[in-house]
């Protein structure tokens, strides 16, 4: 396997997963019991702001999806990368004289556009399936996506080895 492709795949995976480990910055506000005087004063301030036609600034709470959703999104992006690696490694091996070992794909790989279309559809189908699975069980979706991506990385690695060994 070419060191540039391996480096690109690793960089893509790191960049895809890194945002899921970064915490979102949010403002901290002190929660306290307000006496009736403060409540009346704040209501008067809001009415005064409305009379002046200046919008009152209300604090917003930022919603952040859970870590598991971020990890699943990163894994789905990695699915795209693994499909691209599989297409590239298969084409490279075939161009060096190798033969497709998968009988279901042997007819498709002869036409490059059809092969890319099938692999795109497979990647989209995998992402859709893990997305649907995540609605019921996010952990299972993450484990499934990681396992599928790992399998495709093994296939791509094997294809690159075959491409190097064929004359």
C-alpha atoms as a PDB file:
ATOM      1  CA  UNK A   1       0.000   0.000   0.000  1.00  0.00           C
ATOM      2  CA  UNK A   2       1.324   3.405  -0.890  1.00  0.00           C
ATOM      3  CA  UNK A   3       2.500   5.386   2.141  1.00  0.00           C
ATOM      4  CA  UNK A   4       0.731   8.479   0.784  1.00  0.00           C
ATOM      5  CA  UNK A   5      -2.616   6.707   0.655  1.00  0.00           C
ATOM      6  CA  UNK A   6      -2.156   5.275   4.141  1.00  0.00           C
ATOM      7  CA  UNK A   7      -1.213   8.712   5.463  1.00  0.00           C
ATOM      8  CA  UNK A   8      -4.232  10.275   3.752  1.00  0.00           C
ATOM      9  CA  UNK A   9      -6.575   7.626   5.178  1.00  0.00           C
ATOM     10  CA  UNK A  10      -5.184   8.052   8.689  1.00  0.00           C
ATOM     11  CA  UNK A  11      -5.353  11.843   8.436  1.00  0.00           C
ATOM     12  CA  UNK A  12      -8.947  11.637   7.202  1.00  0.00           C
ATOM     13  CA  UNK A  13      -9.904   9.342  10.078  1.00  0.00           C
ATOM     14  CA  UNK A  14      -8.236  11.589  12.668  1.00  0.00           C
ATOM     15  CA  UNK A  15      -9.815  14.755  11.276  1.00  0.00           C
ATOM     16  CA  UNK A  16     -13.206  13.041  11.144  1.00  0.00           C
ATOM     17  CA  UNK A  17     -13.084  11.753  14.711  1.00  0.00           C
ATOM     18  CA  UNK A  18     -11.318  14.704  16.396  1.00  0.00           C
ATOM     19  CA  UNK A  19     -14.347  17.039  16.595  1.00  0.00           C
ATOM     20  CA  UNK A  20     -16.244  14.446  18.608  1.00  0.00           C
ATOM     21  CA  UNK A  21     -13.737  14.763  21.449  1.00  0.00           C
ATOM     22  CA  UNK A  22     -13.804  18.564  21.672  1.00  0.00           C
ATOM     23  CA  UNK A  23     -16.188  20.011  24.219  1.00  0.00           C
ATOM     24  CA  UNK A  24     -18.524  22.788  23.179  1.00  0.00           C
ATOM     25  CA  UNK A  25     -17.922  26.041  25.038  1.00  0.00           C
ATOM     26  CA  UNK A  26     -20.999  27.303  26.839  1.00  0.00           C
ATOM     27  CA  UNK A  27     -21.525  30.199  29.176  1.00  0.00           C
ATOM     28  CA  UNK A  28     -21.994  29.363  32.811  1.00  0.00           C
ATOM     29  CA  UNK A  29     -24.720  31.178  34.672  1.00  0.00           C
ATOM     30  CA  UNK A  30     -25.293  31.268  38.372  1.00  0.00           C
ATOM     31  CA  UNK A  31     -28.617  29.862  39.451  1.00  0.00           C
ATOM     32  CA  UNK A  32     -30.018  31.496  42.560  1.00  0.00           C
ATOM     33  CA  UNK A  33     -33.343  32.140  44.188  1.00  0.00           C
ATOM     34  CA  UNK A  34     -34.541  35.641  43.326  1.00  0.00           C
ATOM     35  CA  UNK A  35     -36.583  37.606  45.816  1.00  0.00           C
ATOM     36  CA  UNK A  36     -39.819  39.219  44.703  1.00  0.00           C
ATOM     37  CA  UNK A  37     -38.153  42.637  44.366  1.00  0.00           C
ATOM     38  CA  UNK A  38     -35.614  41.326  41.856  1.00  0.00           C
ATOM     39  CA  UNK A  39     -38.382  39.647  39.889  1.00  0.00           C
ATOM     40  CA  UNK A  40     -40.418  42.847  39.693  1.00  0.00           C
ATOM     41  CA  UNK A  41     -37.305  44.851  38.759  1.00  0.00           C
ATOM     42  CA  UNK A  42     -36.368  42.449  36.006  1.00  0.00           C
ATOM     43  CA  UNK A  43     -39.922  42.476  34.629  1.00  0.00           C
ATOM     44  CA  UNK A  44     -39.811  46.276  34.567  1.00  0.00           C
ATOM     45  CA  UNK A  45     -36.456  46.165  32.764  1.00  0.00           C
ATOM     46  CA  UNK A  46     -37.896  43.867  30.118  1.00  0.00           C
ATOM     47  CA  UNK A  47     -40.891  46.171  29.612  1.00  0.00           C
ATOM     48  CA  UNK A  48     -38.561  49.187  29.414  1.00  0.00           C
ATOM     49  CA  UNK A  49     -36.421  47.407  26.811  1.00  0.00           C
ATOM     50  CA  UNK A  50     -39.530  46.613  24.790  1.00  0.00           C
ATOM     51  CA  UNK A  51     -40.646  50.218  24.987  1.00  0.00           C
ATOM     52  CA  UNK A  52     -37.255  51.371  23.722  1.00  0.00           C
ATOM     53  CA  UNK A  53     -37.540  48.825  20.886  1.00  0.00           C
ATOM     54  CA  UNK A  54     -34.236  47.231  21.740  1.00  0.00           C
ATOM     55  CA  UNK A  55     -34.272  43.472  21.840  1.00  0.00           C
ATOM     56  CA  UNK A  56     -33.675  41.941  25.224  1.00  0.00           C
ATOM     57  CA  UNK A  57     -30.793  39.510  25.107  1.00  0.00           C
ATOM     58  CA  UNK A  58     -31.961  36.158  26.379  1.00  0.00           C
ATOM     59  CA  UNK A  59     -29.354  33.515  27.159  1.00  0.00           C
ATOM     60  CA  UNK A  60     -29.564  30.483  24.900  1.00  0.00           C
ATOM     61  CA  UNK A  61     -28.634  26.992  25.797  1.00  0.00           C
ATOM     62  CA  UNK A  62     -26.692  25.330  23.013  1.00  0.00           C
ATOM     63  CA  UNK A  63     -27.762  21.799  22.332  1.00  0.00           C
ATOM     64  CA  UNK A  64     -24.895  19.417  21.633  1.00  0.00           C
ATOM     65  CA  UNK A  65     -25.490  15.996  20.207  1.00  0.00           C
ATOM     66  CA  UNK A  66     -24.180  13.157  22.313  1.00  0.00           C
ATOM     67  CA  UNK A  67     -20.704  11.773  21.887  1.00  0.00           C
ATOM     68  CA  UNK A  68     -22.077   8.582  20.386  1.00  0.00           C
ATOM     69  CA  UNK A  69     -23.752  10.562  17.592  1.00  0.00           C
ATOM     70  CA  UNK A  70     -20.489  12.351  16.830  1.00  0.00           C
ATOM     71  CA  UNK A  71     -18.586   9.082  16.770  1.00  0.00           C
ATOM     72  CA  UNK A  72     -21.187   7.523  14.477  1.00  0.00           C
ATOM     73  CA  UNK A  73     -20.981  10.510  12.139  1.00  0.00           C
ATOM     74  CA  UNK A  74     -17.198  10.189  12.031  1.00  0.00           C
ATOM     75  CA  UNK A  75     -17.492   6.469  11.335  1.00  0.00           C
ATOM     76  CA  UNK A  76     -19.933   7.139   8.522  1.00  0.00           C
ATOM     77  CA  UNK A  77     -17.458   9.592   7.019  1.00  0.00           C
ATOM     78  CA  UNK A  78     -14.790   6.922   7.379  1.00  0.00           C
ATOM     79  CA  UNK A  79     -17.099   4.547   5.478  1.00  0.00           C
ATOM     80  CA  UNK A  80     -16.779   6.871   2.496  1.00  0.00           C
ATOM     81  CA  UNK A  81     -12.984   6.801   2.816  1.00  0.00           C
ATOM     82  CA  UNK A  82     -12.873   3.010   3.056  1.00  0.00           C
ATOM     83  CA  UNK A  83     -15.051   2.638  -0.028  1.00  0.00           C
ATOM     84  CA  UNK A  84     -12.749   4.988  -1.933  1.00  0.00           C
ATOM     85  CA  UNK A  85      -9.714   2.999  -0.776  1.00  0.00           C
ATOM     86  CA  UNK A  86     -11.396  -0.238  -1.850  1.00  0.00           C
ATOM     87  CA  UNK A  87     -12.144   1.144  -5.332  1.00  0.00           C
ATOM     88  CA  UNK A  88      -8.608   2.513  -5.736  1.00  0.00           C
ATOM     89  CA  UNK A  89      -6.901  -0.626  -4.493  1.00  0.00           C
ATOM     90  CA  UNK A  90      -9.093  -2.894  -6.628  1.00  0.00           C
ATOM     91  CA  UNK A  91      -8.452  -0.832  -9.762  1.00  0.00           C
ATOM     92  CA  UNK A  92      -4.735  -0.767  -9.059  1.00  0.00           C
ATOM     93  CA  UNK A  93      -4.618  -4.543  -8.579  1.00  0.00           C
ATOM     94  CA  UNK A  94      -6.687  -5.156 -11.720  1.00  0.00           C
ATOM     95  CA  UNK A  95      -4.466  -2.838 -13.757  1.00  0.00           C
ATOM     96  CA  UNK A  96      -1.445  -4.868 -12.589  1.00  0.00           C
ATOM     97  CA  UNK A  97      -2.991  -8.114 -13.830  1.00  0.00           C
ATOM     98  CA  UNK A  98      -4.880  -9.400 -10.790  1.00  0.00           C
ATOM     99  CA  UNK A  99      -8.312 -11.010 -11.048  1.00  0.00           C
ATOM    100  CA  UNK A 100     -11.349 -10.116  -8.927  1.00  0.00           C
ATOM    101  CA  UNK A 101     -11.847 -12.895  -6.375  1.00  0.00           C
ATOM    102  CA  UNK A 102     -15.381 -11.902  -5.375  1.00  0.00           C
ATOM    103  CA  UNK A 103     -17.744 -13.676  -7.805  1.00  0.00           C
ATOM    104  CA  UNK A 104     -20.514 -11.147  -7.166  1.00  0.00           C
ATOM    105  CA  UNK A 105     -18.263  -8.257  -8.226  1.00  0.00           C
ATOM    106  CA  UNK A 106     -16.271  -9.962 -10.991  1.00  0.00           C
ATOM    107  CA  UNK A 107     -18.651  -8.793 -13.729  1.00  0.00           C
ATOM    108  CA  UNK A 108     -18.985  -5.280 -12.355  1.00  0.00           C
ATOM    109  CA  UNK A 109     -15.273  -4.470 -12.037  1.00  0.00           C
ATOM    110  CA  UNK A 110     -14.832  -4.692 -15.816  1.00  0.00           C
ATOM    111  CA  UNK A 111     -16.749  -1.421 -16.150  1.00  0.00           C
ATOM    112  CA  UNK A 112     -15.100   1.286 -14.044  1.00  0.00           C
ATOM    113  CA  UNK A 113     -18.168   3.567 -13.913  1.00  0.00           C
ATOM    114  CA  UNK A 114     -20.457   0.701 -12.901  1.00  0.00           C
ATOM    115  CA  UNK A 115     -17.974  -0.413 -10.249  1.00  0.00           C
ATOM    116  CA  UNK A 116     -17.744   3.076  -8.764  1.00  0.00           C
ATOM    117  CA  UNK A 117     -21.541   3.357  -8.842  1.00  0.00           C
ATOM    118  CA  UNK A 118     -21.987   0.027  -7.058  1.00  0.00           C
ATOM    119  CA  UNK A 119     -19.406   0.942  -4.411  1.00  0.00           C
ATOM    120  CA  UNK A 120     -21.070   4.352  -3.922  1.00  0.00           C
ATOM    121  CA  UNK A 121     -24.430   2.663  -3.464  1.00  0.00           C
ATOM    122  CA  UNK A 122     -22.902   0.163  -1.026  1.00  0.00           C
ATOM    123  CA  UNK A 123     -21.376   2.985   1.027  1.00  0.00           C
ATOM    124  CA  UNK A 124     -24.642   4.919   1.064  1.00  0.00           C
ATOM    125  CA  UNK A 125     -26.529   1.763   2.018  1.00  0.00           C
ATOM    126  CA  UNK A 126     -24.141   1.055   4.875  1.00  0.00           C
ATOM    127  CA  UNK A 127     -24.466   4.611   6.165  1.00  0.00           C
ATOM    128  CA  UNK A 128     -28.276   4.426   5.918  1.00  0.00           C
ATOM    129  CA  UNK A 129     -28.364   1.067   7.713  1.00  0.00           C
ATOM    130  CA  UNK A 130     -26.185   2.258  10.594  1.00  0.00           C
ATOM    131  CA  UNK A 131     -28.223   5.466  10.825  1.00  0.00           C
ATOM    132  CA  UNK A 132     -31.432   3.438  11.130  1.00  0.00           C
ATOM    133  CA  UNK A 133     -29.776   1.069  13.606  1.00  0.00           C
ATOM    134  CA  UNK A 134     -28.668   4.023  15.736  1.00  0.00           C
ATOM    135  CA  UNK A 135     -32.273   5.008  16.374  1.00  0.00           C
ATOM    136  CA  UNK A 136     -32.706   1.857  18.457  1.00  0.00           C
ATOM    137  CA  UNK A 137     -29.173   1.161  19.649  1.00  0.00           C
ATOM    138  CA  UNK A 138     -26.338   3.631  19.076  1.00  0.00           C
ATOM    139  CA  UNK A 139     -23.681   1.345  20.523  1.00  0.00           C
ATOM    140  CA  UNK A 140     -24.622  -1.446  18.128  1.00  0.00           C
ATOM    141  CA  UNK A 141     -24.554   0.999  15.221  1.00  0.00           C
ATOM    142  CA  UNK A 142     -21.092   2.231  16.211  1.00  0.00           C
ATOM    143  CA  UNK A 143     -19.722  -1.282  16.656  1.00  0.00           C
ATOM    144  CA  UNK A 144     -21.240  -2.423  13.347  1.00  0.00           C
ATOM    145  CA  UNK A 145     -19.893   0.576  11.463  1.00  0.00           C
ATOM    146  CA  UNK A 146     -16.421   0.149  12.971  1.00  0.00           C
ATOM    147  CA  UNK A 147     -16.409  -3.555  12.105  1.00  0.00           C
ATOM    148  CA  UNK A 148     -17.482  -2.942   8.504  1.00  0.00           C
ATOM    149  CA  UNK A 149     -14.905  -0.178   8.070  1.00  0.00           C
ATOM    150  CA  UNK A 150     -12.218  -2.439   9.503  1.00  0.00           C
ATOM    151  CA  UNK A 151     -13.173  -5.215   7.093  1.00  0.00           C
ATOM    152  CA  UNK A 152     -12.950  -2.862   4.122  1.00  0.00           C
ATOM    153  CA  UNK A 153      -9.558  -1.602   5.305  1.00  0.00           C
ATOM    154  CA  UNK A 154      -8.331  -5.215   5.440  1.00  0.00           C
ATOM    155  CA  UNK A 155      -9.669  -5.785   1.903  1.00  0.00           C
ATOM    156  CA  UNK A 156      -7.969  -2.621   0.625  1.00  0.00           C
ATOM    157  CA  UNK A 157      -4.705  -3.608   2.301  1.00  0.00           C
ATOM    158  CA  UNK A 158      -4.905  -7.051   0.680  1.00  0.00           C
ATOM    159  CA  UNK A 159      -5.632  -5.483  -2.715  1.00  0.00           C
ATOM    160  CA  UNK A 160      -2.585  -3.224  -2.420  1.00  0.00           C
ATOM    161  CA  UNK A 161      -0.412  -6.231  -1.501  1.00  0.00           C
ATOM    162  CA  UNK A 162      -1.721  -8.114  -4.548  1.00  0.00           C
ATOM    163  CA  UNK A 163      -1.071  -5.068  -6.747  1.00  0.00           C
ATOM    164  CA  UNK A 164       2.536  -4.897  -5.545  1.00  0.00           C
ATOM    165  CA  UNK A 165       3.172  -8.609  -6.027  1.00  0.00           C
ATOM    166  CA  UNK A 166       1.783  -8.880  -9.562  1.00  0.00           C
ATOM    167  CA  UNK A 167       4.191  -8.052 -12.376  1.00  0.00           C
END
